[in-house]
Amino acid sequence: MRNGDLYKMTSMVKTGTPMEEVLHTYRNRYSADEIWSFFPKKEDPKKAVKKKAARKKVAEAETETDPLG
């Protein structure tokens, strides 16, 4: 992938351009998989909060059951 194209794609994503538009713009030069390989999938904020709460519950449960802790 050319550096100029990667820079343009990155700036498009940072400014809030939907990924569908980025994929459409560069569809003739690169495959969708190749473009997605440079942009990690972002996690849904609601799922991230749920995961954090689940981790916290597990940590609390471990400290409660640990007789030495």
N, C-alpha and C. Protein backbone atom coordinates (compact mmCIF):
# COMPACT_ATOMS: atom_id res chain seq x y z
N MET A 1 0.85 -1.17 0.00
CA MET A 1 0.00 0.00 0.00
C MET A 1 0.90 1.24 0.00
N ARG A 2 0.52 2.19 -0.79
CA ARG A 2 1.31 3.41 -0.88
C ARG A 2 1.09 4.28 0.35
N ASN A 3 2.16 4.96 0.79
CA ASN A 3 2.09 5.79 1.99
C ASN A 3 1.07 6.91 1.86
N GLY A 4 0.97 7.50 0.69
CA GLY A 4 0.02 8.59 0.49
C GLY A 4 -1.42 8.12 0.67
N ASP A 5 -1.72 6.95 0.14
CA ASP A 5 -3.06 6.39 0.29
C ASP A 5 -3.37 6.06 1.73
N LEU A 6 -2.39 5.48 2.43
CA LEU A 6 -2.59 5.14 3.83
C LEU A 6 -2.82 6.41 4.65
N TYR A 7 -2.06 7.46 4.37
CA TYR A 7 -2.23 8.73 5.07
C TYR A 7 -3.62 9.31 4.82
N LYS A 8 -4.07 9.28 3.57
CA LYS A 8 -5.40 9.81 3.24
C LYS A 8 -6.50 9.00 3.93
N MET A 9 -6.35 7.67 3.93
CA MET A 9 -7.35 6.82 4.58
C MET A 9 -7.41 7.10 6.08
N THR A 10 -6.24 7.23 6.69
CA THR A 10 -6.17 7.49 8.12
C THR A 10 -6.82 8.83 8.45
N SER A 11 -6.55 9.84 7.65
CA SER A 11 -7.13 11.16 7.91
C SER A 11 -8.65 11.13 7.70
N MET A 12 -9.11 10.35 6.72
CA MET A 12 -10.56 10.23 6.51
C MET A 12 -11.23 9.60 7.73
N VAL A 13 -10.61 8.56 8.27
CA VAL A 13 -11.18 7.87 9.42
C VAL A 13 -11.15 8.78 10.65
N LYS A 14 -10.05 9.51 10.85
CA LYS A 14 -9.93 10.40 12.01
C LYS A 14 -10.95 11.53 11.96
N THR A 15 -11.31 11.98 10.77
CA THR A 15 -12.27 13.08 10.67
C THR A 15 -13.71 12.60 10.74
N GLY A 16 -13.90 11.29 10.88
CA GLY A 16 -15.25 10.77 11.07
C GLY A 16 -15.94 10.26 9.83
N THR A 17 -15.19 10.10 8.75
CA THR A 17 -15.77 9.55 7.53
C THR A 17 -16.14 8.08 7.77
N PRO A 18 -17.34 7.66 7.39
CA PRO A 18 -17.71 6.25 7.58
C PRO A 18 -16.79 5.32 6.79
N MET A 19 -16.52 4.16 7.37
CA MET A 19 -15.61 3.21 6.70
C MET A 19 -16.16 2.76 5.36
N GLU A 20 -17.48 2.73 5.21
CA GLU A 20 -18.06 2.34 3.92
C GLU A 20 -17.59 3.29 2.82
N GLU A 21 -17.51 4.58 3.14
CA GLU A 21 -17.06 5.56 2.16
C GLU A 21 -15.58 5.39 1.84
N VAL A 22 -14.78 5.10 2.87
CA VAL A 22 -13.35 4.86 2.65
C VAL A 22 -13.16 3.64 1.75
N LEU A 23 -13.88 2.57 2.05
CA LEU A 23 -13.79 1.36 1.24
C LEU A 23 -14.23 1.63 -0.20
N HIS A 24 -15.28 2.44 -0.36
CA HIS A 24 -15.78 2.77 -1.69
C HIS A 24 -14.75 3.60 -2.47
N THR A 25 -14.09 4.54 -1.78
CA THR A 25 -13.12 5.41 -2.43
C THR A 25 -11.93 4.62 -2.97
N TYR A 26 -11.47 3.64 -2.21
CA TYR A 26 -10.26 2.90 -2.59
C TYR A 26 -10.56 1.49 -3.09
N ARG A 27 -11.79 1.22 -3.50
CA ARG A 27 -12.18 -0.14 -3.90
C ARG A 27 -11.43 -0.65 -5.12
N ASN A 28 -10.98 0.24 -6.01
CA ASN A 28 -10.29 -0.20 -7.22
C ASN A 28 -8.82 -0.52 -6.99
N ARG A 29 -8.24 0.04 -5.92
CA ARG A 29 -6.81 -0.17 -5.67
C ARG A 29 -6.54 -1.29 -4.67
N TYR A 30 -7.41 -1.40 -3.64
CA TYR A 30 -7.13 -2.34 -2.56
C TYR A 30 -8.39 -3.13 -2.21
N SER A 31 -8.17 -4.33 -1.70
CA SER A 31 -9.31 -5.14 -1.26
C SER A 31 -9.77 -4.62 0.11
N ALA A 32 -11.00 -4.94 0.45
CA ALA A 32 -11.55 -4.49 1.73
C ALA A 32 -10.75 -5.07 2.90
N ASP A 33 -10.32 -6.32 2.77
CA ASP A 33 -9.53 -6.95 3.84
C ASP A 33 -8.20 -6.23 4.04
N GLU A 34 -7.61 -5.81 2.93
CA GLU A 34 -6.33 -5.10 3.02
C GLU A 34 -6.50 -3.75 3.71
N ILE A 35 -7.57 -3.05 3.41
CA ILE A 35 -7.83 -1.77 4.05
C ILE A 35 -8.14 -1.97 5.54
N TRP A 36 -8.98 -2.95 5.86
CA TRP A 36 -9.35 -3.19 7.25
C TRP A 36 -8.15 -3.62 8.09
N SER A 37 -7.13 -4.20 7.47
CA SER A 37 -5.96 -4.65 8.23
C SER A 37 -5.21 -3.49 8.88
N PHE A 38 -5.38 -2.27 8.36
CA PHE A 38 -4.71 -1.11 8.93
C PHE A 38 -5.54 -0.41 10.00
N PHE A 39 -6.80 -0.77 10.13
CA PHE A 39 -7.68 -0.12 11.09
C PHE A 39 -8.27 -1.16 12.03
N PRO A 40 -7.81 -1.16 13.29
CA PRO A 40 -8.36 -2.14 14.22
C PRO A 40 -9.84 -1.89 14.46
N LYS A 41 -10.56 -2.96 14.63
CA LYS A 41 -11.99 -2.84 14.89
C LYS A 41 -12.20 -2.20 16.26
N LYS A 42 -13.05 -1.20 16.30
CA LYS A 42 -13.33 -0.53 17.56
C LYS A 42 -14.45 -1.27 18.27
N GLU A 43 -14.30 -1.35 19.57
CA GLU A 43 -15.29 -2.05 20.36
C GLU A 43 -16.46 -1.12 20.66
N ASP A 44 -17.64 -1.68 20.69
CA ASP A 44 -18.83 -0.94 21.05
C ASP A 44 -18.68 -0.47 22.49
N PRO A 45 -18.86 0.83 22.79
CA PRO A 45 -18.68 1.32 24.15
C PRO A 45 -19.55 0.60 25.18
N LYS A 46 -20.77 0.23 24.80
CA LYS A 46 -21.65 -0.47 25.73
C LYS A 46 -21.08 -1.83 26.10
N LYS A 47 -20.50 -2.53 25.11
CA LYS A 47 -19.91 -3.83 25.38
C LYS A 47 -18.67 -3.68 26.27
N ALA A 48 -17.90 -2.62 26.04
CA ALA A 48 -16.71 -2.39 26.84
C ALA A 48 -17.08 -2.17 28.30
N VAL A 49 -18.17 -1.44 28.55
CA VAL A 49 -18.62 -1.20 29.92
C VAL A 49 -19.06 -2.51 30.56
N LYS A 50 -19.76 -3.33 29.82
CA LYS A 50 -20.21 -4.62 30.35
C LYS A 50 -19.02 -5.52 30.68
N LYS A 51 -18.00 -5.52 29.81
CA LYS A 51 -16.82 -6.34 30.06
C LYS A 51 -16.08 -5.86 31.30
N LYS A 52 -15.99 -4.54 31.45
CA LYS A 52 -15.30 -3.98 32.61
C LYS A 52 -16.04 -4.36 33.89
N ALA A 53 -17.36 -4.29 33.88
CA ALA A 53 -18.16 -4.66 35.05
C ALA A 53 -17.98 -6.15 35.37
N ALA A 54 -17.94 -6.97 34.34
CA ALA A 54 -17.76 -8.40 34.56
C ALA A 54 -16.38 -8.69 35.16
N ARG A 55 -15.36 -8.00 34.67
CA ARG A 55 -14.02 -8.19 35.22
C ARG A 55 -13.97 -7.76 36.69
N LYS A 56 -14.66 -6.68 37.00
CA LYS A 56 -14.69 -6.18 38.38
C LYS A 56 -15.37 -7.18 39.30
N LYS A 57 -16.47 -7.79 38.85
CA LYS A 57 -17.17 -8.79 39.66
C LYS A 57 -16.28 -10.00 39.91
N VAL A 58 -15.55 -10.41 38.88
CA VAL A 58 -14.66 -11.56 39.03
C VAL A 58 -13.54 -11.23 40.03
N ALA A 59 -12.99 -10.04 39.94
CA ALA A 59 -11.92 -9.63 40.85
C ALA A 59 -12.43 -9.58 42.28
N GLU A 60 -13.65 -9.06 42.48
CA GLU A 60 -14.23 -9.00 43.83
C GLU A 60 -14.48 -10.40 44.37
N ALA A 61 -14.97 -11.28 43.51
CA ALA A 61 -15.24 -12.65 43.94
C ALA A 61 -13.94 -13.36 44.33
N GLU A 62 -12.87 -13.10 43.60
CA GLU A 62 -11.59 -13.74 43.92
C GLU A 62 -11.04 -13.25 45.25
N THR A 63 -11.19 -11.96 45.55
CA THR A 63 -10.67 -11.43 46.80
C THR A 63 -11.51 -11.91 47.98
N GLU A 64 -12.80 -12.12 47.77
CA GLU A 64 -13.66 -12.60 48.85
C GLU A 64 -13.36 -14.05 49.20
N THR A 65 -13.04 -14.86 48.21
CA THR A 65 -12.80 -16.28 48.45
C THR A 65 -11.36 -16.57 48.83
N ASP A 66 -10.48 -15.62 48.67
CA ASP A 66 -9.06 -15.83 48.97
C ASP A 66 -8.83 -15.64 50.48
N PRO A 67 -8.50 -16.70 51.21
CA PRO A 67 -8.33 -16.56 52.66
C PRO A 67 -7.07 -15.78 53.03
N LEU A 68 -6.09 -15.75 52.15
CA LEU A 68 -4.85 -15.05 52.46
C LEU A 68 -4.88 -13.59 52.05
N GLY A 69 -5.80 -13.23 51.17
CA GLY A 69 -5.87 -11.88 50.62
C GLY A 69 -6.52 -10.94 51.52
